């Protein structure tokens, strides 16, 4: 089995699969920050997705222009921003190309999208507090040839993970989760990093599923 983790520089999911002995590679236009450049392909994720080399792909397509969290920029003063909408359409095109890649088993994750973007219906919604992390951060999964994830460790929710600027938490301060909110590009990377509990669930449950004879 060979696994592609598209649009991942943190290598959180890649390392979870590697811990199970699976040949997994992160791929991103940025260098990796996960400490294993030997498992990282710096370049276009679409090239890897269409290479025919992978059994499973887990993708984290950029959500900046797709996410509902950006509604205030999509509709400044209540009117549609044509410029941002065009960027959203390009982001959707990239998302769809990943979803339509010639790989039998695909999982894409993103936050709740804007309705105007018209992404396909998602398969499943998950929360960090279902996988051992006491935070709320709703994440949607679009699955192809994979079963939904099952919660592994449901804990009490303590707050929202890295609240947005509208929540009154400034850069450099600690959010309700006790994690210091990073500045600039580091903040974006921090927000997009997959929780370890979710990464482990993906690796263990989907690796186990693909090892079943009926999944081959």
Protein backbone atom coordinates (compact mmCIF):
# COMPACT_ATOMS: atom_id res chain seq x y z
CA UNK A 1 0.00 0.00 0.00
CA UNK A 2 1.19 3.49 -0.86
CA UNK A 3 -0.51 6.53 0.67
CA UNK A 4 -0.48 10.15 -0.51
CA UNK A 5 -1.32 12.87 2.00
CA UNK A 6 -1.97 15.80 -0.30
CA UNK A 7 -1.54 19.41 0.79
CA UNK A 8 0.08 18.47 4.08
CA UNK A 9 3.24 20.13 5.36
CA UNK A 10 2.80 19.25 9.05
CA UNK A 11 3.13 15.50 8.26
CA UNK A 12 0.74 14.64 11.12
CA UNK A 13 -1.27 12.16 9.03
CA UNK A 14 1.80 10.92 7.19
CA UNK A 15 3.54 10.05 10.45
CA UNK A 16 0.44 8.25 11.75
CA UNK A 17 0.55 5.94 8.73
CA UNK A 18 4.33 5.55 8.94
CA UNK A 19 3.93 4.44 12.57
CA UNK A 20 1.92 1.50 11.22
CA UNK A 21 4.64 0.61 8.72
CA UNK A 22 2.75 2.08 5.73
CA UNK A 23 4.65 3.78 2.90
CA UNK A 24 3.09 7.24 3.15
CA UNK A 25 4.20 10.59 1.71
CA UNK A 26 3.12 14.12 2.45
CA UNK A 27 2.99 16.49 -0.52
CA UNK A 28 2.79 20.27 -0.50
CA UNK A 29 4.23 23.26 -2.35
CA UNK A 30 5.86 24.23 0.95
CA UNK A 31 8.69 22.36 2.68
CA UNK A 32 7.54 20.11 5.50
CA UNK A 33 7.61 21.10 9.17
CA UNK A 34 7.06 17.58 10.51
CA UNK A 35 10.73 16.65 10.73
CA UNK A 36 10.83 14.01 7.99
CA UNK A 37 11.80 15.55 4.64
CA UNK A 38 12.56 12.04 3.37
CA UNK A 39 8.80 11.39 3.48
CA UNK A 40 7.87 14.70 1.85
CA UNK A 41 7.32 15.54 -1.81
CA UNK A 42 7.58 19.28 -2.33
CA UNK A 43 5.53 20.08 -5.41
CA UNK A 44 2.09 19.96 -6.95
CA UNK A 45 -0.26 17.52 -5.22
CA UNK A 46 -2.29 17.04 -8.41
CA UNK A 47 0.74 15.60 -10.21
CA UNK A 48 1.08 12.96 -7.51
CA UNK A 49 -2.67 12.32 -7.34
CA UNK A 50 -2.79 11.55 -11.06
CA UNK A 51 0.44 9.52 -11.15
CA UNK A 52 -1.28 6.15 -10.64
CA UNK A 53 1.09 5.27 -7.80
CA UNK A 54 -1.24 5.41 -4.79
CA UNK A 55 -3.82 3.15 -3.18
CA UNK A 56 -5.16 5.81 -0.82
CA UNK A 57 -5.13 9.60 -0.81
CA UNK A 58 -6.02 11.83 2.11
CA UNK A 59 -6.23 15.44 0.97
CA UNK A 60 -6.37 18.76 2.78
CA UNK A 61 -7.15 21.18 -0.08
CA UNK A 62 -6.73 24.88 0.74
CA UNK A 63 -9.89 26.25 2.33
CA UNK A 64 -9.17 29.98 2.59
CA UNK A 65 -11.62 30.95 -0.15
CA UNK A 66 -14.06 28.08 0.39
CA UNK A 67 -14.72 28.21 4.13
CA UNK A 68 -17.84 29.67 5.69
CA UNK A 69 -15.50 31.39 8.14
CA UNK A 70 -14.57 33.77 5.31
CA UNK A 71 -18.15 34.94 4.68
CA UNK A 72 -17.41 38.47 5.83
CA UNK A 73 -14.80 38.81 3.10
CA UNK A 74 -16.93 37.13 0.44
CA UNK A 75 -19.79 39.53 1.19
CA UNK A 76 -18.23 42.80 2.40
CA UNK A 77 -20.98 45.30 3.23
CA UNK A 78 -23.47 42.64 2.18
CA UNK A 79 -22.38 42.51 -1.46
CA UNK A 80 -20.55 39.72 -3.27
CA UNK A 81 -16.83 40.30 -3.82
CA UNK A 82 -16.28 39.29 -7.44
CA UNK A 83 -12.53 38.98 -6.92
CA UNK A 84 -12.87 36.64 -3.96
CA UNK A 85 -15.59 34.63 -5.69
CA UNK A 86 -13.24 34.01 -8.64
CA UNK A 87 -10.59 32.78 -6.21
CA UNK A 88 -13.21 30.52 -4.59
CA UNK A 89 -14.05 29.01 -7.98
CA UNK A 90 -10.38 28.21 -8.59
CA UNK A 91 -10.15 26.66 -5.13
CA UNK A 92 -13.22 24.54 -5.87
CA UNK A 93 -11.70 23.41 -9.17
CA UNK A 94 -8.60 22.20 -7.31
CA UNK A 95 -10.80 20.45 -4.71
CA UNK A 96 -12.78 18.67 -7.43
CA UNK A 97 -9.66 17.58 -9.30
CA UNK A 98 -8.40 15.94 -6.13
CA UNK A 99 -11.78 14.28 -5.54
CA UNK A 100 -11.84 12.97 -9.12
CA UNK A 101 -8.27 11.63 -9.09
CA UNK A 102 -7.82 8.03 -10.36
CA UNK A 103 -7.37 6.59 -6.87
CA UNK A 104 -9.82 4.01 -5.52
CA UNK A 105 -9.83 5.31 -1.95
CA UNK A 106 -9.97 9.04 -1.26
CA UNK A 107 -10.71 11.23 1.76
CA UNK A 108 -10.78 15.03 1.54
CA UNK A 109 -11.23 17.23 4.59
CA UNK A 110 -12.33 20.86 4.83
CA UNK A 111 -14.25 23.11 7.19
CA UNK A 112 -17.89 23.96 6.51
CA UNK A 113 -17.94 25.67 3.07
CA UNK A 114 -19.86 28.69 1.89
CA UNK A 115 -23.13 27.72 0.17
CA UNK A 116 -22.27 29.91 -2.82
CA UNK A 117 -19.27 27.67 -3.56
CA UNK A 118 -21.54 24.64 -4.05
CA UNK A 119 -19.17 21.89 -3.03
CA UNK A 120 -20.60 18.35 -3.28
CA UNK A 121 -22.47 16.93 -0.30
CA UNK A 122 -20.01 15.81 2.35
CA UNK A 123 -20.00 12.29 3.80
CA UNK A 124 -19.31 12.94 7.46
CA UNK A 125 -18.75 15.70 10.03
CA UNK A 126 -16.26 15.10 12.84
CA UNK A 127 -15.07 17.02 15.90
CA UNK A 128 -11.74 16.90 17.80
CA UNK A 129 -13.56 16.05 21.05
CA UNK A 130 -14.59 12.73 19.47
CA UNK A 131 -10.92 11.76 19.20
CA UNK A 132 -9.48 12.77 22.57
CA UNK A 133 -9.02 16.54 22.11
CA UNK A 134 -11.39 18.70 24.23
CA UNK A 135 -12.09 21.26 21.53
CA UNK A 136 -14.77 22.13 18.99
CA UNK A 137 -13.60 22.51 15.38
CA UNK A 138 -16.13 21.04 12.97
CA UNK A 139 -14.44 19.32 10.05
CA UNK A 140 -16.16 17.75 7.07
CA UNK A 141 -14.99 14.64 5.23
CA UNK A 142 -15.72 13.72 1.63
CA UNK A 143 -15.10 9.97 1.27
CA UNK A 144 -14.71 7.70 -1.74
CA UNK A 145 -14.24 3.97 -1.18
CA UNK A 146 -13.74 4.46 2.57
CA UNK A 147 -15.98 4.02 5.62
CA UNK A 148 -16.76 6.97 7.91
CA UNK A 149 -14.44 7.39 10.87
CA UNK A 150 -15.63 6.06 14.20
CA UNK A 151 -14.98 8.15 17.34
CA UNK A 152 -12.12 6.75 19.38
CA UNK A 153 -12.19 8.77 22.61
CA UNK A 154 -15.10 11.12 23.27
CA UNK A 155 -14.15 13.76 25.85
CA UNK A 156 -15.88 16.79 27.30
CA UNK A 157 -15.67 19.87 25.07
CA UNK A 158 -13.90 22.82 26.73
CA UNK A 159 -13.97 25.42 23.97
CA UNK A 160 -13.46 26.29 20.32
CA UNK A 161 -10.05 25.57 18.83
CA UNK A 162 -8.23 28.77 17.81
CA UNK A 163 -11.21 31.14 17.61
CA UNK A 164 -11.40 33.55 14.68
CA UNK A 165 -10.58 37.23 15.02
CA UNK A 166 -14.27 37.99 15.46
CA UNK A 167 -14.22 36.07 18.73
CA UNK A 168 -12.06 38.72 20.36
CA UNK A 169 -8.89 36.62 20.62
CA UNK A 170 -5.91 38.57 19.32
CA UNK A 171 -2.79 37.15 17.70
CA UNK A 172 -0.24 36.21 20.33
CA UNK A 173 -2.89 35.58 22.99
CA UNK A 174 -4.15 32.22 24.22
CA UNK A 175 -7.48 30.93 22.99
CA UNK A 176 -10.00 28.96 25.02
CA UNK A 177 -7.94 25.83 24.38
CA UNK A 178 -4.90 27.30 26.11
CA UNK A 179 -2.92 27.29 22.86
CA UNK A 180 -1.19 30.50 21.88
CA UNK A 181 -2.60 31.89 18.65
CA UNK A 182 0.21 32.22 16.12
CA UNK A 183 0.74 35.21 13.89
CA UNK A 184 0.60 35.50 10.11
CA UNK A 185 1.38 32.43 8.02
CA UNK A 186 2.23 30.39 11.13
CA UNK A 187 -1.33 30.96 12.37
CA UNK A 188 -2.68 29.54 9.11
CA UNK A 189 -0.44 26.47 9.38
CA UNK A 190 -1.43 25.98 13.03
CA UNK A 191 -5.14 26.15 12.24
CA UNK A 192 -4.86 23.66 9.39
CA UNK A 193 -2.79 21.06 11.26
CA UNK A 194 -4.65 17.79 11.78
CA UNK A 195 -5.23 16.76 15.39
CA UNK A 196 -3.09 13.76 16.35
CA UNK A 197 -6.13 11.78 17.52
CA UNK A 198 -7.87 12.25 14.19
CA UNK A 199 -4.70 11.40 12.25
CA UNK A 200 -4.28 8.20 14.26
CA UNK A 201 -7.93 7.26 13.66
CA UNK A 202 -7.51 7.77 9.92
CA UNK A 203 -4.40 5.62 9.82
CA UNK A 204 -5.63 2.80 12.03
CA UNK A 205 -9.20 2.57 10.77
CA UNK A 206 -8.57 3.05 7.06
CA UNK A 207 -5.42 0.92 7.02
CA UNK A 208 -7.41 -1.80 8.76
CA UNK A 209 -10.27 -1.43 6.29
CA UNK A 210 -7.98 -1.64 3.25
CA UNK A 211 -6.32 -4.76 4.64
CA UNK A 212 -9.64 -6.60 4.50
CA UNK A 213 -9.91 -8.87 1.45
CA UNK A 214 -13.23 -7.36 0.35
CA UNK A 215 -11.67 -3.88 0.13
CA UNK A 216 -9.01 -4.96 -2.34
